[in-house]
Amino acid sequence: AHYEATLFEIAMTRGEIKAIMDNFSSYMKPQHVSKTLATMTDTAYIQAQPYGVVTLICPWNYPVALLFQPLIGAIAAGNCVVIKPSEVSTACEALFRDVLPKYLPSDCFPIVCGGVPETSALLRQRVDY
């Protein structure tokens, strides 16, 4: 179990962080697209934009990796994230509740703890993605 946790929870999450950091500047660059007759004299490109607010409901298995890997991508894309750790992984839920606000502003990265009623209420909220 120790090796599994180290591999899936830590190593893969560190790999995700490294991949994002290595490729971050290319994510921000406009992607030039083919021009049509109507856009021949224009500059045609696709510019990535943040979705806005993302809801991240984490499962109980691999609670670190399955929280941080999508969170890393959402942050890199410029989104705010409503974070809902699994109530089944009580130690991780408490850790995230206590530690994440020290590093992420709670107005952009609120943490919702609780079970089915809290998750159901969260799912009724309007978010962008």
N, C-alpha and C. Protein backbone atom coordinates (compact mmCIF):
# COMPACT_ATOMS: atom_id res chain seq x y z
N ALA A 1 0.82 -1.20 0.00
CA ALA A 1 0.00 0.00 0.00
C ALA A 1 0.87 1.26 0.00
N HIS A 2 2.02 1.19 0.67
CA HIS A 2 2.91 2.36 0.71
C HIS A 2 3.40 2.71 -0.69
N TYR A 3 3.83 1.71 -1.45
CA TYR A 3 4.34 1.97 -2.80
C TYR A 3 3.23 2.45 -3.72
N GLU A 4 2.05 1.88 -3.56
CA GLU A 4 0.91 2.30 -4.37
C GLU A 4 0.57 3.76 -4.08
N ALA A 5 0.54 4.12 -2.82
CA ALA A 5 0.23 5.51 -2.45
C ALA A 5 1.31 6.45 -2.97
N THR A 6 2.56 6.05 -2.83
CA THR A 6 3.66 6.89 -3.31
C THR A 6 3.58 7.07 -4.82
N LEU A 7 3.32 6.00 -5.54
CA LEU A 7 3.27 6.07 -6.99
C LEU A 7 2.06 6.87 -7.46
N PHE A 8 0.88 6.48 -7.05
CA PHE A 8 -0.33 7.10 -7.59
C PHE A 8 -0.67 8.44 -6.97
N GLU A 9 -0.44 8.60 -5.68
CA GLU A 9 -0.82 9.84 -5.04
C GLU A 9 0.24 10.93 -5.19
N ILE A 10 1.49 10.57 -5.02
CA ILE A 10 2.54 11.59 -5.01
C ILE A 10 3.24 11.71 -6.36
N ALA A 11 3.79 10.63 -6.87
CA ALA A 11 4.57 10.69 -8.09
C ALA A 11 3.75 11.18 -9.28
N MET A 12 2.55 10.68 -9.43
CA MET A 12 1.73 11.10 -10.57
C MET A 12 1.28 12.55 -10.43
N THR A 13 1.02 12.99 -9.22
CA THR A 13 0.65 14.39 -9.01
C THR A 13 1.84 15.31 -9.28
N ARG A 14 3.01 14.91 -8.85
CA ARG A 14 4.21 15.70 -9.15
C ARG A 14 4.45 15.74 -10.65
N GLY A 15 4.21 14.61 -11.32
CA GLY A 15 4.35 14.57 -12.78
C GLY A 15 3.38 15.52 -13.47
N GLU A 16 2.17 15.59 -12.96
CA GLU A 16 1.16 16.51 -13.51
C GLU A 16 1.61 17.97 -13.34
N ILE A 17 2.13 18.29 -12.16
CA ILE A 17 2.63 19.65 -11.92
C ILE A 17 3.77 19.97 -12.88
N LYS A 18 4.70 19.04 -13.03
CA LYS A 18 5.83 19.27 -13.93
C LYS A 18 5.37 19.45 -15.37
N ALA A 19 4.44 18.62 -15.82
CA ALA A 19 3.95 18.73 -17.20
C ALA A 19 3.28 20.08 -17.44
N ILE A 20 2.50 20.53 -16.48
CA ILE A 20 1.83 21.84 -16.62
C ILE A 20 2.88 22.95 -16.65
N MET A 21 3.84 22.89 -15.75
CA MET A 21 4.87 23.94 -15.70
C MET A 21 5.72 23.94 -16.97
N ASP A 22 6.05 22.76 -17.48
CA ASP A 22 6.86 22.67 -18.69
C ASP A 22 6.13 23.20 -19.92
N ASN A 23 4.83 23.07 -19.94
CA ASN A 23 4.05 23.43 -21.14
C ASN A 23 3.19 24.66 -20.96
N PHE A 24 3.30 25.32 -19.84
CA PHE A 24 2.40 26.42 -19.52
C PHE A 24 2.42 27.53 -20.58
N SER A 25 3.58 27.92 -21.02
CA SER A 25 3.63 29.01 -22.00
C SER A 25 2.97 28.62 -23.32
N SER A 26 3.07 27.36 -23.70
CA SER A 26 2.41 26.95 -24.95
C SER A 26 0.90 26.91 -24.79
N TYR A 27 0.40 26.69 -23.57
CA TYR A 27 -1.05 26.70 -23.34
C TYR A 27 -1.62 28.10 -23.55
N MET A 28 -0.82 29.12 -23.26
CA MET A 28 -1.30 30.49 -23.35
C MET A 28 -1.22 31.06 -24.75
N LYS A 29 -0.41 30.46 -25.62
CA LYS A 29 -0.23 31.00 -26.97
C LYS A 29 -1.49 30.79 -27.81
N PRO A 30 -1.80 31.76 -28.64
CA PRO A 30 -2.93 31.58 -29.55
C PRO A 30 -2.63 30.45 -30.54
N GLN A 31 -3.64 29.68 -30.87
CA GLN A 31 -3.50 28.64 -31.88
C GLN A 31 -4.00 29.20 -33.20
N HIS A 32 -3.09 29.37 -34.13
CA HIS A 32 -3.48 29.91 -35.43
C HIS A 32 -4.25 28.87 -36.21
N VAL A 33 -5.30 29.32 -36.88
CA VAL A 33 -6.17 28.42 -37.63
C VAL A 33 -6.20 28.84 -39.09
N SER A 34 -6.65 27.94 -39.93
CA SER A 34 -6.76 28.23 -41.36
C SER A 34 -7.74 29.37 -41.60
N LYS A 35 -7.44 30.13 -42.62
CA LYS A 35 -8.31 31.24 -42.98
C LYS A 35 -9.24 30.81 -44.12
N THR A 36 -10.38 31.47 -44.13
CA THR A 36 -11.33 31.26 -45.22
C THR A 36 -11.29 32.49 -46.12
N LEU A 37 -12.04 32.45 -47.17
CA LEU A 37 -12.10 33.60 -48.06
C LEU A 37 -12.57 34.85 -47.31
N ALA A 38 -13.51 34.65 -46.39
CA ALA A 38 -14.05 35.79 -45.62
C ALA A 38 -13.06 36.34 -44.60
N THR A 39 -12.11 35.53 -44.16
CA THR A 39 -11.15 35.97 -43.13
C THR A 39 -9.73 36.10 -43.68
N MET A 40 -9.56 36.08 -44.99
CA MET A 40 -8.24 36.07 -45.61
C MET A 40 -7.36 37.24 -45.16
N THR A 41 -7.93 38.40 -44.93
CA THR A 41 -7.11 39.56 -44.55
C THR A 41 -7.00 39.72 -43.04
N ASP A 42 -7.64 38.83 -42.30
CA ASP A 42 -7.62 38.89 -40.84
C ASP A 42 -6.55 37.97 -40.27
N THR A 43 -6.32 38.13 -38.99
CA THR A 43 -5.52 37.17 -38.24
C THR A 43 -6.50 36.23 -37.57
N ALA A 44 -6.43 34.96 -37.92
CA ALA A 44 -7.39 33.99 -37.38
C ALA A 44 -6.68 33.08 -36.38
N TYR A 45 -7.20 33.07 -35.16
CA TYR A 45 -6.61 32.22 -34.13
C TYR A 45 -7.64 31.91 -33.06
N ILE A 46 -7.33 30.90 -32.27
CA ILE A 46 -8.14 30.54 -31.12
C ILE A 46 -7.34 30.89 -29.88
N GLN A 47 -7.95 31.66 -29.00
CA GLN A 47 -7.30 32.05 -27.75
C GLN A 47 -8.02 31.36 -26.60
N ALA A 48 -7.31 30.54 -25.85
CA ALA A 48 -7.91 29.83 -24.72
C ALA A 48 -8.33 30.83 -23.65
N GLN A 49 -9.50 30.59 -23.07
CA GLN A 49 -10.04 31.43 -22.01
C GLN A 49 -10.47 30.54 -20.85
N PRO A 50 -10.39 31.03 -19.62
CA PRO A 50 -10.89 30.24 -18.48
C PRO A 50 -12.40 30.00 -18.60
N TYR A 51 -12.85 28.89 -18.07
CA TYR A 51 -14.29 28.62 -18.01
C TYR A 51 -14.96 29.53 -17.00
N GLY A 52 -14.30 29.77 -15.89
CA GLY A 52 -14.87 30.57 -14.80
C GLY A 52 -14.80 29.80 -13.50
N VAL A 53 -15.92 29.21 -13.08
CA VAL A 53 -15.97 28.45 -11.84
C VAL A 53 -16.18 26.98 -12.17
N VAL A 54 -15.33 26.17 -11.61
CA VAL A 54 -15.35 24.72 -11.83
C VAL A 54 -15.69 24.04 -10.51
N THR A 55 -16.53 23.02 -10.55
CA THR A 55 -16.81 22.22 -9.36
C THR A 55 -15.99 20.94 -9.44
N LEU A 56 -15.27 20.65 -8.38
CA LEU A 56 -14.43 19.46 -8.30
C LEU A 56 -14.90 18.61 -7.13
N ILE A 57 -15.61 17.53 -7.44
CA ILE A 57 -16.09 16.60 -6.42
C ILE A 57 -15.18 15.39 -6.46
N CYS A 58 -14.46 15.17 -5.39
CA CYS A 58 -13.41 14.17 -5.37
C CYS A 58 -13.91 12.84 -4.83
N PRO A 59 -13.47 11.74 -5.41
CA PRO A 59 -13.82 10.42 -4.90
C PRO A 59 -12.95 10.04 -3.70
N TRP A 60 -13.29 8.95 -3.07
CA TRP A 60 -12.58 8.52 -1.87
C TRP A 60 -11.29 7.77 -2.18
N ASN A 61 -11.22 7.11 -3.32
CA ASN A 61 -10.01 6.36 -3.64
C ASN A 61 -9.00 7.32 -4.27
N TYR A 62 -7.78 7.24 -3.86
CA TYR A 62 -6.72 8.16 -4.28
C TYR A 62 -7.15 9.61 -4.05
N PRO A 63 -7.46 9.97 -2.83
CA PRO A 63 -8.04 11.30 -2.55
C PRO A 63 -7.08 12.45 -2.82
N VAL A 64 -5.78 12.23 -2.74
CA VAL A 64 -4.82 13.31 -3.01
C VAL A 64 -4.71 13.54 -4.51
N ALA A 65 -4.39 12.49 -5.25
CA ALA A 65 -4.20 12.62 -6.69
C ALA A 65 -5.47 13.08 -7.39
N LEU A 66 -6.61 12.52 -7.00
CA LEU A 66 -7.85 12.85 -7.70
C LEU A 66 -8.43 14.19 -7.28
N LEU A 67 -7.82 14.83 -6.29
CA LEU A 67 -8.14 16.22 -5.99
C LEU A 67 -7.14 17.13 -6.70
N PHE A 68 -5.86 16.87 -6.51
CA PHE A 68 -4.85 17.80 -7.00
C PHE A 68 -4.65 17.78 -8.50
N GLN A 69 -4.75 16.64 -9.15
CA GLN A 69 -4.50 16.63 -10.59
C GLN A 69 -5.50 17.49 -11.36
N PRO A 70 -6.80 17.35 -11.16
CA PRO A 70 -7.70 18.27 -11.87
C PRO A 70 -7.62 19.71 -11.33
N LEU A 71 -7.31 19.86 -10.05
CA LEU A 71 -7.18 21.20 -9.48
C LEU A 71 -6.01 21.94 -10.13
N ILE A 72 -4.92 21.27 -10.35
CA ILE A 72 -3.75 21.87 -10.98
C ILE A 72 -4.10 22.38 -12.38
N GLY A 73 -4.78 21.55 -13.15
CA GLY A 73 -5.18 21.96 -14.49
C GLY A 73 -6.15 23.12 -14.48
N ALA A 74 -7.10 23.11 -13.56
CA ALA A 74 -8.08 24.19 -13.47
C ALA A 74 -7.41 25.51 -13.07
N ILE A 75 -6.47 25.44 -12.15
CA ILE A 75 -5.73 26.65 -11.75
C ILE A 75 -4.90 27.16 -12.91
N ALA A 76 -4.21 26.27 -13.60
CA ALA A 76 -3.38 26.67 -14.74
C ALA A 76 -4.21 27.32 -15.83
N ALA A 77 -5.47 26.91 -15.95
CA ALA A 77 -6.36 27.48 -16.96
C ALA A 77 -7.00 28.77 -16.50
N GLY A 78 -6.75 29.18 -15.26
CA GLY A 78 -7.26 30.45 -14.76
C GLY A 78 -8.64 30.39 -14.13
N ASN A 79 -9.07 29.21 -13.74
CA ASN A 79 -10.40 29.05 -13.17
C ASN A 79 -10.39 29.13 -11.65
N CYS A 80 -11.53 29.50 -11.09
CA CYS A 80 -11.80 29.30 -9.67
C CYS A 80 -12.38 27.91 -9.53
N VAL A 81 -12.19 27.29 -8.38
CA VAL A 81 -12.63 25.90 -8.19
C VAL A 81 -13.33 25.76 -6.84
N VAL A 82 -14.54 25.22 -6.88
CA VAL A 82 -15.23 24.82 -5.66
C VAL A 82 -14.80 23.38 -5.40
N ILE A 83 -14.12 23.17 -4.28
CA ILE A 83 -13.50 21.89 -3.97
C ILE A 83 -14.36 21.12 -2.97
N LYS A 84 -14.75 19.91 -3.34
CA LYS A 84 -15.53 19.05 -2.44
C LYS A 84 -14.75 17.75 -2.25
N PRO A 85 -13.95 17.66 -1.17
CA PRO A 85 -13.24 16.41 -0.90
C PRO A 85 -14.21 15.32 -0.46
N SER A 86 -13.80 14.09 -0.61
CA SER A 86 -14.65 12.97 -0.21
C SER A 86 -14.81 12.92 1.31
N GLU A 87 -16.05 12.76 1.75
CA GLU A 87 -16.31 12.60 3.18
C GLU A 87 -15.92 11.22 3.67
N VAL A 88 -15.70 10.29 2.76
CA VAL A 88 -15.30 8.93 3.14
C VAL A 88 -13.85 8.92 3.59
N SER A 89 -13.02 9.72 2.97
CA SER A 89 -11.61 9.84 3.35
C SER A 89 -11.49 10.97 4.37
N THR A 90 -11.89 10.69 5.60
CA THR A 90 -12.03 11.74 6.61
C THR A 90 -10.73 12.46 6.93
N ALA A 91 -9.63 11.73 6.97
CA ALA A 91 -8.35 12.37 7.29
C ALA A 91 -7.94 13.32 6.18
N CYS A 92 -8.12 12.91 4.94
CA CYS A 92 -7.77 13.79 3.82
C CYS A 92 -8.72 14.98 3.75
N GLU A 93 -10.00 14.76 4.00
CA GLU A 93 -10.96 15.85 4.00
C GLU A 93 -10.56 16.91 5.03
N ALA A 94 -10.19 16.46 6.22
CA ALA A 94 -9.76 17.39 7.27
C ALA A 94 -8.46 18.09 6.89
N LEU A 95 -7.53 17.36 6.30
CA LEU A 95 -6.26 17.95 5.86
C LEU A 95 -6.50 19.04 4.82
N PHE A 96 -7.31 18.73 3.80
CA PHE A 96 -7.59 19.71 2.75
C PHE A 96 -8.31 20.93 3.33
N ARG A 97 -9.28 20.70 4.22
CA ARG A 97 -10.03 21.79 4.83
C ARG A 97 -9.11 22.72 5.63
N ASP A 98 -8.12 22.14 6.31
CA ASP A 98 -7.24 22.93 7.17
C ASP A 98 -6.06 23.55 6.44
N VAL A 99 -5.53 22.86 5.43
CA VAL A 99 -4.28 23.29 4.80
C VAL A 99 -4.50 24.12 3.54
N LEU A 100 -5.41 23.72 2.68
CA LEU A 100 -5.57 24.43 1.40
C LEU A 100 -5.84 25.92 1.55
N PRO A 101 -6.67 26.36 2.51
CA PRO A 101 -6.90 27.81 2.64
C PRO A 101 -5.64 28.61 3.00
N LYS A 102 -4.61 27.95 3.48
CA LYS A 102 -3.35 28.65 3.76
C LYS A 102 -2.61 29.00 2.48
N TYR A 103 -2.93 28.29 1.38
CA TYR A 103 -2.20 28.48 0.13
C TYR A 103 -3.07 28.97 -1.02
N LEU A 104 -4.37 28.77 -0.93
CA LEU A 104 -5.29 29.19 -1.98
C LEU A 104 -6.35 30.10 -1.36
N PRO A 105 -6.63 31.24 -1.98
CA PRO A 105 -7.62 32.15 -1.41
C PRO A 105 -9.02 31.51 -1.42
N SER A 106 -9.68 31.55 -0.28
CA SER A 106 -10.96 30.86 -0.14
C SER A 106 -12.09 31.52 -0.94
N ASP A 107 -11.92 32.77 -1.36
CA ASP A 107 -12.94 33.39 -2.19
C ASP A 107 -12.94 32.84 -3.61
N CYS A 108 -11.82 32.28 -4.04
CA CYS A 108 -11.71 31.68 -5.37
C CYS A 108 -11.66 30.16 -5.31
N PHE A 109 -11.29 29.60 -4.16
CA PHE A 109 -11.15 28.16 -4.00
C PHE A 109 -11.83 27.70 -2.70
N PRO A 110 -13.16 27.86 -2.62
CA PRO A 110 -13.84 27.43 -1.40
C PRO A 110 -13.83 25.91 -1.28
N ILE A 111 -13.81 25.44 -0.04
CA ILE A 111 -13.83 24.01 0.23
C ILE A 111 -15.15 23.68 0.92
N VAL A 112 -15.88 22.73 0.34
CA VAL A 112 -17.16 22.30 0.89
C VAL A 112 -16.98 20.91 1.47
N CYS A 113 -17.14 20.78 2.76
CA CYS A 113 -17.03 19.48 3.41
C CYS A 113 -18.42 18.98 3.79
N GLY A 114 -18.53 17.66 3.86
CA GLY A 114 -19.81 17.08 4.24
C GLY A 114 -20.14 15.89 3.37
N GLY A 115 -21.35 15.38 3.56
CA GLY A 115 -21.77 14.16 2.88
C GLY A 115 -22.73 14.42 1.73
N VAL A 116 -23.69 13.55 1.62
CA VAL A 116 -24.65 13.60 0.51
C VAL A 116 -25.46 14.90 0.51
N PRO A 117 -25.98 15.38 1.65
CA PRO A 117 -26.76 16.63 1.61
C PRO A 117 -25.95 17.82 1.09
N GLU A 118 -24.70 17.93 1.54
CA GLU A 118 -23.84 19.04 1.10
C GLU A 118 -23.49 18.90 -0.39
N THR A 119 -23.23 17.67 -0.82
CA THR A 119 -22.92 17.44 -2.23
C THR A 119 -24.13 17.75 -3.09
N SER A 120 -25.30 17.34 -2.65
CA SER A 120 -26.54 17.62 -3.40
C SER A 120 -26.78 19.12 -3.50
N ALA A 121 -26.57 19.83 -2.41
CA ALA A 121 -26.72 21.29 -2.42
C ALA A 121 -25.70 21.94 -3.35
N LEU A 122 -24.49 21.42 -3.34
CA LEU A 122 -23.45 21.94 -4.22
C LEU A 122 -23.81 21.74 -5.68
N LEU A 123 -24.35 20.60 -6.01
CA LEU A 123 -24.71 20.31 -7.40
C LEU A 123 -25.87 21.18 -7.89
N ARG A 124 -26.65 21.73 -6.99
CA ARG A 124 -27.74 22.63 -7.38
C ARG A 124 -27.24 24.04 -7.68
N GLN A 125 -26.02 24.35 -7.33
CA GLN A 125 -25.46 25.67 -7.56
C GLN A 125 -25.07 25.83 -9.03
N ARG A 126 -25.15 27.05 -9.51
CA ARG A 126 -24.75 27.33 -10.88
C ARG A 126 -23.24 27.54 -10.95
N VAL A 127 -22.59 26.73 -11.76
CA VAL A 127 -21.17 26.90 -12.03
C VAL A 127 -20.98 26.84 -13.54
N ASP A 128 -19.77 27.15 -13.98
CA ASP A 128 -19.51 27.19 -15.42
C ASP A 128 -19.10 25.84 -16.00
N TYR A 129 -18.49 24.99 -15.18
CA TYR A 129 -18.03 23.71 -15.72
C TYR A 129 -17.93 22.71 -14.60
